[in-house]
Amino acid sequence: MENTYKAYYNSPIGIIEVISNDNGILSVDFVEKQKDISESQPEVLIQCIEELDEYFKGQRKNFTVKLEIQGTEFQKKVWNELTRIPFGDTVSYKYIAEAIENPKAVRAVGNANHNNSLGIIIPCHRVVGTNGKLTGYAGGIWRKEWLLQHEKNTNM
């Protein structure tokens, strides 16, 4: 069985739990409280915490930490497309569905977004409704709004 490691980052919008294995980041998620952290932490986990810190300080627009993406082929296609959304921009679920050449899959794109376990790094917060309204975000709409505003302010 492979080892998994856990660390936490106290962001301006709550505690973020980061889980990795020896090779890459498995999840980045908002949590209510910290649990026990791993005593030994692989370089990839330390790098992820540093990159999150730089992001929240407005010093990083793109993440370079290695990811261990786990999902269906469809989900991976959607998540890969999300990484192409420029920092500070938003696109619609419909736009993503069309970009992956599956224009009728708007709902499935929304579902893949919902199941993204690598929030912020795979920027599902940059996807909005066709009408521009902020819709669903696992971390809460208020966090989505904060992240988008943060990126707009950093992008100046």
N, C-alpha and C. Protein backbone atom coordinates (compact mmCIF):
# COMPACT_ATOMS: atom_id res chain seq x y z
N MET A 1 0.84 -1.19 0.00
CA MET A 1 0.00 0.00 0.00
C MET A 1 0.88 1.25 0.00
N GLU A 2 0.50 2.22 -0.83
CA GLU A 2 1.33 3.41 -0.90
C GLU A 2 1.06 4.36 0.27
N ASN A 3 2.08 5.08 0.65
CA ASN A 3 1.96 6.04 1.74
C ASN A 3 1.20 7.28 1.29
N THR A 4 0.39 7.82 2.18
CA THR A 4 -0.21 9.13 1.94
C THR A 4 0.20 10.05 3.08
N TYR A 5 0.28 11.33 2.76
CA TYR A 5 0.74 12.33 3.70
C TYR A 5 -0.25 13.48 3.72
N LYS A 6 -0.28 14.19 4.85
CA LYS A 6 -1.27 15.25 5.02
C LYS A 6 -0.60 16.48 5.60
N ALA A 7 -0.97 17.65 5.06
CA ALA A 7 -0.51 18.92 5.62
C ALA A 7 -1.66 19.91 5.49
N TYR A 8 -1.54 21.04 6.19
CA TYR A 8 -2.60 22.05 6.18
C TYR A 8 -2.02 23.42 5.88
N TYR A 9 -2.86 24.22 5.23
CA TYR A 9 -2.50 25.61 4.95
C TYR A 9 -3.65 26.48 5.44
N ASN A 10 -3.32 27.46 6.27
CA ASN A 10 -4.34 28.40 6.76
C ASN A 10 -4.47 29.55 5.79
N SER A 11 -5.44 29.46 4.89
CA SER A 11 -5.65 30.50 3.88
C SER A 11 -6.54 31.60 4.45
N PRO A 12 -6.63 32.72 3.75
CA PRO A 12 -7.53 33.79 4.19
C PRO A 12 -9.00 33.38 4.18
N ILE A 13 -9.31 32.27 3.52
CA ILE A 13 -10.72 31.84 3.42
C ILE A 13 -10.94 30.46 4.04
N GLY A 14 -10.06 30.08 4.94
CA GLY A 14 -10.25 28.82 5.66
C GLY A 14 -9.07 27.87 5.54
N ILE A 15 -9.18 26.80 6.29
CA ILE A 15 -8.12 25.79 6.35
C ILE A 15 -8.20 24.90 5.11
N ILE A 16 -7.05 24.71 4.48
CA ILE A 16 -6.97 23.84 3.31
C ILE A 16 -6.15 22.61 3.69
N GLU A 17 -6.74 21.45 3.47
CA GLU A 17 -6.06 20.18 3.70
C GLU A 17 -5.46 19.71 2.38
N VAL A 18 -4.18 19.39 2.41
CA VAL A 18 -3.49 18.90 1.22
C VAL A 18 -3.02 17.48 1.51
N ILE A 19 -3.38 16.56 0.62
CA ILE A 19 -2.99 15.15 0.77
C ILE A 19 -2.16 14.76 -0.46
N SER A 20 -1.07 14.05 -0.20
CA SER A 20 -0.23 13.60 -1.31
C SER A 20 0.20 12.15 -1.07
N ASN A 21 0.77 11.57 -2.12
CA ASN A 21 1.53 10.34 -1.94
C ASN A 21 2.99 10.73 -2.19
N ASP A 22 3.87 9.77 -2.42
CA ASP A 22 5.28 10.12 -2.65
C ASP A 22 5.49 10.81 -3.99
N ASN A 23 4.54 10.65 -4.91
CA ASN A 23 4.73 11.14 -6.28
C ASN A 23 4.02 12.43 -6.62
N GLY A 24 2.90 12.73 -5.97
CA GLY A 24 2.15 13.91 -6.35
C GLY A 24 1.02 14.22 -5.39
N ILE A 25 0.36 15.33 -5.66
CA ILE A 25 -0.75 15.79 -4.83
C ILE A 25 -2.02 15.04 -5.23
N LEU A 26 -2.72 14.51 -4.23
CA LEU A 26 -3.96 13.76 -4.45
C LEU A 26 -5.19 14.65 -4.27
N SER A 27 -5.15 15.54 -3.27
CA SER A 27 -6.30 16.41 -3.05
C SER A 27 -5.91 17.70 -2.34
N VAL A 28 -6.69 18.73 -2.63
CA VAL A 28 -6.58 20.05 -2.01
C VAL A 28 -8.01 20.45 -1.70
N ASP A 29 -8.33 20.51 -0.41
CA ASP A 29 -9.73 20.68 -0.02
C ASP A 29 -9.88 21.58 1.20
N PHE A 30 -10.95 22.37 1.21
CA PHE A 30 -11.26 23.16 2.41
C PHE A 30 -11.84 22.22 3.47
N VAL A 31 -11.40 22.40 4.72
CA VAL A 31 -11.89 21.60 5.84
C VAL A 31 -12.22 22.52 7.00
N GLU A 32 -13.02 22.00 7.93
CA GLU A 32 -13.42 22.79 9.10
C GLU A 32 -12.29 22.94 10.11
N LYS A 33 -11.52 21.84 10.30
CA LYS A 33 -10.42 21.93 11.27
C LYS A 33 -9.30 20.98 10.88
N GLN A 34 -8.11 21.30 11.39
CA GLN A 34 -6.94 20.48 11.13
C GLN A 34 -7.03 19.19 11.92
N LYS A 35 -6.53 18.13 11.31
CA LYS A 35 -6.37 16.86 12.02
C LYS A 35 -4.86 16.67 12.17
N ASP A 36 -4.45 15.48 12.49
CA ASP A 36 -3.02 15.23 12.63
C ASP A 36 -2.32 15.37 11.29
N ILE A 37 -1.16 16.03 11.30
CA ILE A 37 -0.37 16.12 10.08
C ILE A 37 0.65 14.99 10.06
N SER A 38 1.13 14.68 8.88
CA SER A 38 2.14 13.63 8.75
C SER A 38 3.47 14.15 9.27
N GLU A 39 4.15 13.32 10.04
CA GLU A 39 5.44 13.73 10.59
C GLU A 39 6.47 13.94 9.50
N SER A 40 6.57 12.97 8.60
CA SER A 40 7.48 13.15 7.47
C SER A 40 6.64 13.60 6.28
N GLN A 41 7.17 14.54 5.55
CA GLN A 41 6.42 15.07 4.41
C GLN A 41 7.30 15.06 3.17
N PRO A 42 6.79 14.47 2.09
CA PRO A 42 7.59 14.44 0.87
C PRO A 42 7.71 15.86 0.28
N GLU A 43 8.72 16.04 -0.52
CA GLU A 43 8.99 17.34 -1.15
C GLU A 43 7.77 17.89 -1.88
N VAL A 44 7.02 17.01 -2.54
CA VAL A 44 5.86 17.46 -3.31
C VAL A 44 4.81 18.12 -2.41
N LEU A 45 4.65 17.62 -1.21
CA LEU A 45 3.68 18.20 -0.27
C LEU A 45 4.16 19.57 0.23
N ILE A 46 5.43 19.66 0.53
CA ILE A 46 6.01 20.94 0.96
C ILE A 46 5.90 21.97 -0.16
N GLN A 47 6.19 21.54 -1.39
CA GLN A 47 6.09 22.44 -2.55
C GLN A 47 4.66 22.95 -2.73
N CYS A 48 3.68 22.08 -2.55
CA CYS A 48 2.28 22.46 -2.73
C CYS A 48 1.88 23.53 -1.72
N ILE A 49 2.27 23.35 -0.46
CA ILE A 49 1.96 24.34 0.58
C ILE A 49 2.61 25.68 0.23
N GLU A 50 3.86 25.64 -0.23
CA GLU A 50 4.56 26.87 -0.63
C GLU A 50 3.85 27.55 -1.80
N GLU A 51 3.41 26.77 -2.80
CA GLU A 51 2.74 27.35 -3.96
C GLU A 51 1.38 27.92 -3.58
N LEU A 52 0.65 27.27 -2.69
CA LEU A 52 -0.62 27.82 -2.21
C LEU A 52 -0.38 29.15 -1.49
N ASP A 53 0.67 29.20 -0.67
CA ASP A 53 1.00 30.42 0.04
C ASP A 53 1.30 31.55 -0.95
N GLU A 54 2.07 31.26 -1.97
CA GLU A 54 2.40 32.27 -2.99
C GLU A 54 1.14 32.71 -3.73
N TYR A 55 0.27 31.76 -4.04
CA TYR A 55 -1.00 32.10 -4.71
C TYR A 55 -1.81 33.08 -3.87
N PHE A 56 -1.99 32.76 -2.59
CA PHE A 56 -2.81 33.62 -1.73
C PHE A 56 -2.14 34.97 -1.45
N LYS A 57 -0.82 35.04 -1.57
CA LYS A 57 -0.12 36.31 -1.40
C LYS A 57 -0.06 37.11 -2.70
N GLY A 58 -0.66 36.57 -3.77
CA GLY A 58 -0.67 37.26 -5.05
C GLY A 58 0.65 37.17 -5.80
N GLN A 59 1.47 36.18 -5.46
CA GLN A 59 2.79 36.02 -6.07
C GLN A 59 2.84 34.87 -7.07
N ARG A 60 1.76 34.12 -7.22
CA ARG A 60 1.75 32.97 -8.12
C ARG A 60 0.44 32.91 -8.87
N LYS A 61 0.55 32.71 -10.19
CA LYS A 61 -0.64 32.57 -11.03
C LYS A 61 -0.82 31.15 -11.54
N ASN A 62 0.28 30.40 -11.64
CA ASN A 62 0.23 29.04 -12.15
C ASN A 62 0.92 28.09 -11.18
N PHE A 63 0.33 26.93 -11.02
CA PHE A 63 0.89 25.91 -10.13
C PHE A 63 1.76 24.96 -10.94
N THR A 64 2.88 24.57 -10.35
CA THR A 64 3.80 23.65 -11.03
C THR A 64 3.96 22.33 -10.28
N VAL A 65 3.36 22.23 -9.10
CA VAL A 65 3.48 21.03 -8.29
C VAL A 65 2.91 19.83 -9.06
N LYS A 66 3.55 18.68 -8.89
CA LYS A 66 3.11 17.45 -9.58
C LYS A 66 1.81 16.94 -8.96
N LEU A 67 0.87 16.58 -9.81
CA LEU A 67 -0.43 16.10 -9.37
C LEU A 67 -0.58 14.61 -9.67
N GLU A 68 -1.35 13.94 -8.84
CA GLU A 68 -1.76 12.55 -9.09
C GLU A 68 -3.27 12.61 -9.31
N ILE A 69 -3.65 12.84 -10.54
CA ILE A 69 -5.07 13.05 -10.86
C ILE A 69 -5.78 11.71 -10.95
N GLN A 70 -6.86 11.57 -10.16
CA GLN A 70 -7.61 10.33 -10.14
C GLN A 70 -9.06 10.60 -10.50
N GLY A 71 -9.50 10.00 -11.60
CA GLY A 71 -10.87 10.17 -12.04
C GLY A 71 -11.10 9.42 -13.33
N THR A 72 -12.31 9.54 -13.88
CA THR A 72 -12.63 8.89 -15.15
C THR A 72 -11.94 9.64 -16.29
N GLU A 73 -11.92 9.05 -17.45
CA GLU A 73 -11.32 9.71 -18.61
C GLU A 73 -12.06 11.02 -18.91
N PHE A 74 -13.38 11.01 -18.80
CA PHE A 74 -14.16 12.22 -19.04
C PHE A 74 -13.78 13.31 -18.03
N GLN A 75 -13.73 12.94 -16.75
CA GLN A 75 -13.37 13.92 -15.72
C GLN A 75 -11.99 14.50 -15.99
N LYS A 76 -11.03 13.64 -16.34
CA LYS A 76 -9.67 14.11 -16.61
C LYS A 76 -9.65 15.08 -17.79
N LYS A 77 -10.47 14.83 -18.79
CA LYS A 77 -10.58 15.73 -19.94
C LYS A 77 -11.08 17.10 -19.51
N VAL A 78 -12.11 17.10 -18.67
CA VAL A 78 -12.68 18.35 -18.16
C VAL A 78 -11.63 19.07 -17.31
N TRP A 79 -11.03 18.36 -16.39
CA TRP A 79 -10.06 18.98 -15.48
C TRP A 79 -8.87 19.54 -16.24
N ASN A 80 -8.43 18.82 -17.26
CA ASN A 80 -7.33 19.31 -18.10
C ASN A 80 -7.72 20.62 -18.76
N GLU A 81 -8.95 20.70 -19.23
CA GLU A 81 -9.44 21.93 -19.86
C GLU A 81 -9.51 23.08 -18.86
N LEU A 82 -9.87 22.77 -17.62
CA LEU A 82 -9.93 23.82 -16.59
C LEU A 82 -8.57 24.46 -16.38
N THR A 83 -7.51 23.68 -16.50
CA THR A 83 -6.16 24.23 -16.28
C THR A 83 -5.78 25.23 -17.37
N ARG A 84 -6.54 25.28 -18.45
CA ARG A 84 -6.27 26.21 -19.55
C ARG A 84 -6.97 27.56 -19.38
N ILE A 85 -7.85 27.65 -18.39
CA ILE A 85 -8.54 28.92 -18.16
C ILE A 85 -7.52 29.89 -17.57
N PRO A 86 -7.29 31.02 -18.24
CA PRO A 86 -6.28 31.95 -17.73
C PRO A 86 -6.62 32.50 -16.35
N PHE A 87 -5.60 32.73 -15.57
CA PHE A 87 -5.71 33.33 -14.25
C PHE A 87 -6.53 34.61 -14.36
N GLY A 88 -7.53 34.74 -13.49
CA GLY A 88 -8.34 35.95 -13.48
C GLY A 88 -9.52 35.94 -14.45
N ASP A 89 -9.62 34.93 -15.29
CA ASP A 89 -10.72 34.83 -16.25
C ASP A 89 -11.77 33.84 -15.76
N THR A 90 -12.94 33.88 -16.38
CA THR A 90 -13.96 32.87 -16.14
C THR A 90 -14.49 32.40 -17.48
N VAL A 91 -14.98 31.18 -17.49
CA VAL A 91 -15.66 30.62 -18.66
C VAL A 91 -16.91 29.90 -18.16
N SER A 92 -17.80 29.55 -19.07
CA SER A 92 -19.03 28.86 -18.68
C SER A 92 -18.85 27.34 -18.78
N TYR A 93 -19.77 26.64 -18.14
CA TYR A 93 -19.79 25.18 -18.24
C TYR A 93 -19.97 24.78 -19.70
N LYS A 94 -20.80 25.55 -20.40
CA LYS A 94 -21.04 25.29 -21.82
C LYS A 94 -19.75 25.43 -22.62
N TYR A 95 -18.96 26.46 -22.31
CA TYR A 95 -17.69 26.67 -22.99
C TYR A 95 -16.79 25.45 -22.81
N ILE A 96 -16.71 24.93 -21.59
CA ILE A 96 -15.87 23.75 -21.31
C ILE A 96 -16.38 22.54 -22.10
N ALA A 97 -17.71 22.34 -22.09
CA ALA A 97 -18.29 21.22 -22.84
C ALA A 97 -17.92 21.30 -24.32
N GLU A 98 -18.00 22.50 -24.89
CA GLU A 98 -17.65 22.67 -26.30
C GLU A 98 -16.15 22.48 -26.52
N ALA A 99 -15.34 22.95 -25.57
CA ALA A 99 -13.88 22.84 -25.70
C ALA A 99 -13.42 21.39 -25.70
N ILE A 100 -14.15 20.52 -25.00
CA ILE A 100 -13.77 19.10 -24.99
C ILE A 100 -14.54 18.32 -26.06
N GLU A 101 -15.16 19.09 -26.96
CA GLU A 101 -15.88 18.52 -28.12
C GLU A 101 -17.02 17.61 -27.71
N ASN A 102 -17.75 18.04 -26.68
CA ASN A 102 -18.91 17.31 -26.21
C ASN A 102 -19.96 18.34 -25.77
N PRO A 103 -20.48 19.14 -26.73
CA PRO A 103 -21.31 20.29 -26.39
C PRO A 103 -22.59 19.99 -25.61
N LYS A 104 -23.05 18.75 -25.64
CA LYS A 104 -24.28 18.41 -24.90
C LYS A 104 -23.98 17.99 -23.46
N ALA A 105 -22.71 17.98 -23.09
CA ALA A 105 -22.31 17.45 -21.78
C ALA A 105 -22.19 18.54 -20.70
N VAL A 106 -22.99 19.58 -20.82
CA VAL A 106 -22.89 20.69 -19.86
C VAL A 106 -23.09 20.21 -18.43
N ARG A 107 -24.12 19.40 -18.22
CA ARG A 107 -24.38 18.87 -16.86
C ARG A 107 -23.25 17.98 -16.37
N ALA A 108 -22.73 17.15 -17.27
CA ALA A 108 -21.63 16.26 -16.90
C ALA A 108 -20.37 17.06 -16.58
N VAL A 109 -20.16 18.17 -17.27
CA VAL A 109 -19.04 19.06 -16.96
C VAL A 109 -19.21 19.62 -15.55
N GLY A 110 -20.44 20.03 -15.22
CA GLY A 110 -20.73 20.52 -13.87
C GLY A 110 -20.45 19.45 -12.83
N ASN A 111 -20.82 18.23 -13.13
CA ASN A 111 -20.58 17.11 -12.21
C ASN A 111 -19.08 16.84 -12.05
N ALA A 112 -18.34 16.90 -13.15
CA ALA A 112 -16.89 16.70 -13.07
C ALA A 112 -16.27 17.81 -12.22
N ASN A 113 -16.75 19.04 -12.41
CA ASN A 113 -16.26 20.15 -11.59
C ASN A 113 -16.51 19.86 -10.12
N HIS A 114 -17.70 19.40 -9.81
CA HIS A 114 -18.08 19.09 -8.43
C HIS A 114 -17.15 18.03 -7.82
N ASN A 115 -16.68 17.11 -8.65
CA ASN A 115 -15.84 16.01 -8.18
C ASN A 115 -14.34 16.30 -8.27
N ASN A 116 -13.98 17.53 -8.60
CA ASN A 116 -12.58 17.92 -8.68
C ASN A 116 -11.99 17.92 -7.27
N SER A 117 -11.04 17.04 -7.01
CA SER A 117 -10.45 16.97 -5.67
C SER A 117 -9.21 17.84 -5.55
N LEU A 118 -8.88 18.58 -6.59
CA LEU A 118 -7.69 19.42 -6.58
C LEU A 118 -8.06 20.90 -6.77
N GLY A 119 -9.02 21.33 -5.96
CA GLY A 119 -9.49 22.71 -6.04
C GLY A 119 -8.35 23.71 -5.96
N ILE A 120 -8.57 24.86 -6.53
CA ILE A 120 -7.63 25.97 -6.66
C ILE A 120 -6.54 25.63 -7.68
N ILE A 121 -5.86 24.49 -7.51
CA ILE A 121 -4.81 24.11 -8.46
C ILE A 121 -5.43 23.77 -9.82
N ILE A 122 -6.48 22.96 -9.82
CA ILE A 122 -7.31 22.78 -11.03
C ILE A 122 -8.49 23.72 -10.80
N PRO A 123 -8.47 24.89 -11.44
CA PRO A 123 -9.31 26.02 -11.04
C PRO A 123 -10.79 25.93 -11.44
N CYS A 124 -11.52 25.02 -10.80
CA CYS A 124 -12.95 24.91 -11.08
C CYS A 124 -13.71 26.16 -10.63
N HIS A 125 -13.09 26.98 -9.76
CA HIS A 125 -13.74 28.22 -9.32
C HIS A 125 -13.87 29.22 -10.48
N ARG A 126 -13.16 28.99 -11.58
CA ARG A 126 -13.22 29.91 -12.73
C ARG A 126 -14.34 29.57 -13.70
N VAL A 127 -15.16 28.59 -13.35
CA VAL A 127 -16.28 28.21 -14.22
C VAL A 127 -17.57 28.75 -13.63
N VAL A 128 -18.32 29.48 -14.46
CA VAL A 128 -19.55 30.13 -14.03
C VAL A 128 -20.70 29.72 -14.96
N GLY A 129 -21.91 30.09 -14.58
CA GLY A 129 -23.06 29.81 -15.43
C GLY A 129 -22.97 30.63 -16.73
N THR A 130 -23.70 30.19 -17.74
CA THR A 130 -23.71 30.88 -19.04
C THR A 130 -24.09 32.35 -18.88
N ASN A 131 -24.94 32.64 -17.89
CA ASN A 131 -25.38 34.02 -17.65
C ASN A 131 -24.37 34.81 -16.81
N GLY A 132 -23.22 34.19 -16.50
CA GLY A 132 -22.19 34.86 -15.71
C GLY A 132 -22.37 34.73 -14.22
N LYS A 133 -23.47 34.09 -13.80
CA LYS A 133 -23.72 33.93 -12.36
C LYS A 133 -22.80 32.88 -11.76
N LEU A 134 -22.44 33.11 -10.50
CA LEU A 134 -21.63 32.13 -9.78
C LEU A 134 -22.54 30.98 -9.39
N THR A 135 -22.17 29.80 -9.82
CA THR A 135 -22.95 28.61 -9.48
C THR A 135 -22.04 27.63 -8.77
N GLY A 136 -22.63 26.70 -8.07
CA GLY A 136 -21.97 25.67 -7.29
C GLY A 136 -20.47 25.72 -7.14
N TYR A 137 -20.03 25.61 -5.91
CA TYR A 137 -18.61 25.44 -5.61
C TYR A 137 -18.56 24.67 -4.30
N ALA A 138 -17.83 23.56 -4.31
CA ALA A 138 -17.81 22.68 -3.14
C ALA A 138 -17.38 23.42 -1.87
N GLY A 139 -16.50 24.40 -2.02
CA GLY A 139 -16.03 25.16 -0.87
C GLY A 139 -16.99 26.26 -0.44
N GLY A 140 -18.08 26.43 -1.18
CA GLY A 140 -19.05 27.47 -0.88
C GLY A 140 -18.92 28.62 -1.88
N ILE A 141 -20.07 29.16 -2.29
CA ILE A 141 -20.09 30.26 -3.27
C ILE A 141 -19.27 31.45 -2.79
N TRP A 142 -19.32 31.75 -1.49
CA TRP A 142 -18.57 32.89 -0.99
C TRP A 142 -17.08 32.72 -1.21
N ARG A 143 -16.57 31.49 -1.15
CA ARG A 143 -15.15 31.24 -1.42
C ARG A 143 -14.85 31.41 -2.90
N LYS A 144 -15.75 30.93 -3.73
CA LYS A 144 -15.59 31.07 -5.18
C LYS A 144 -15.50 32.56 -5.52
N GLU A 145 -16.41 33.33 -4.96
CA GLU A 145 -16.42 34.77 -5.19
C GLU A 145 -15.10 35.41 -4.72
N TRP A 146 -14.62 35.00 -3.54
CA TRP A 146 -13.37 35.53 -3.00
C TRP A 146 -12.20 35.21 -3.93
N LEU A 147 -12.12 33.94 -4.38
CA LEU A 147 -11.01 33.52 -5.25
C LEU A 147 -11.01 34.30 -6.56
N LEU A 148 -12.19 34.47 -7.15
CA LEU A 148 -12.27 35.23 -8.40
C LEU A 148 -11.87 36.69 -8.19
N GLN A 149 -12.31 37.28 -7.10
CA GLN A 149 -11.95 38.67 -6.78
C GLN A 149 -10.46 38.79 -6.52
N HIS A 150 -9.91 37.82 -5.80
CA HIS A 150 -8.46 37.79 -5.52
C HIS A 150 -7.67 37.76 -6.82
N GLU A 151 -8.10 36.93 -7.76
CA GLU A 151 -7.39 36.82 -9.04
C GLU A 151 -7.53 38.10 -9.84
N LYS A 152 -8.70 38.72 -9.82
CA LYS A 152 -8.89 39.98 -10.53
C LYS A 152 -7.97 41.06 -9.94
N ASN A 153 -7.89 41.12 -8.62
CA ASN A 153 -7.03 42.11 -7.96
C ASN A 153 -5.56 41.85 -8.21
N THR A 154 -5.18 40.58 -8.27
CA THR A 154 -3.78 40.21 -8.50
C THR A 154 -3.40 40.46 -9.95
N ASN A 155 -4.37 40.35 -10.82
CA ASN A 155 -4.12 40.44 -12.27
C ASN A 155 -3.83 41.86 -12.74
N MET A 156 -4.02 42.84 -11.87
CA MET A 156 -3.86 44.24 -12.29
C MET A 156 -2.45 44.57 -12.69
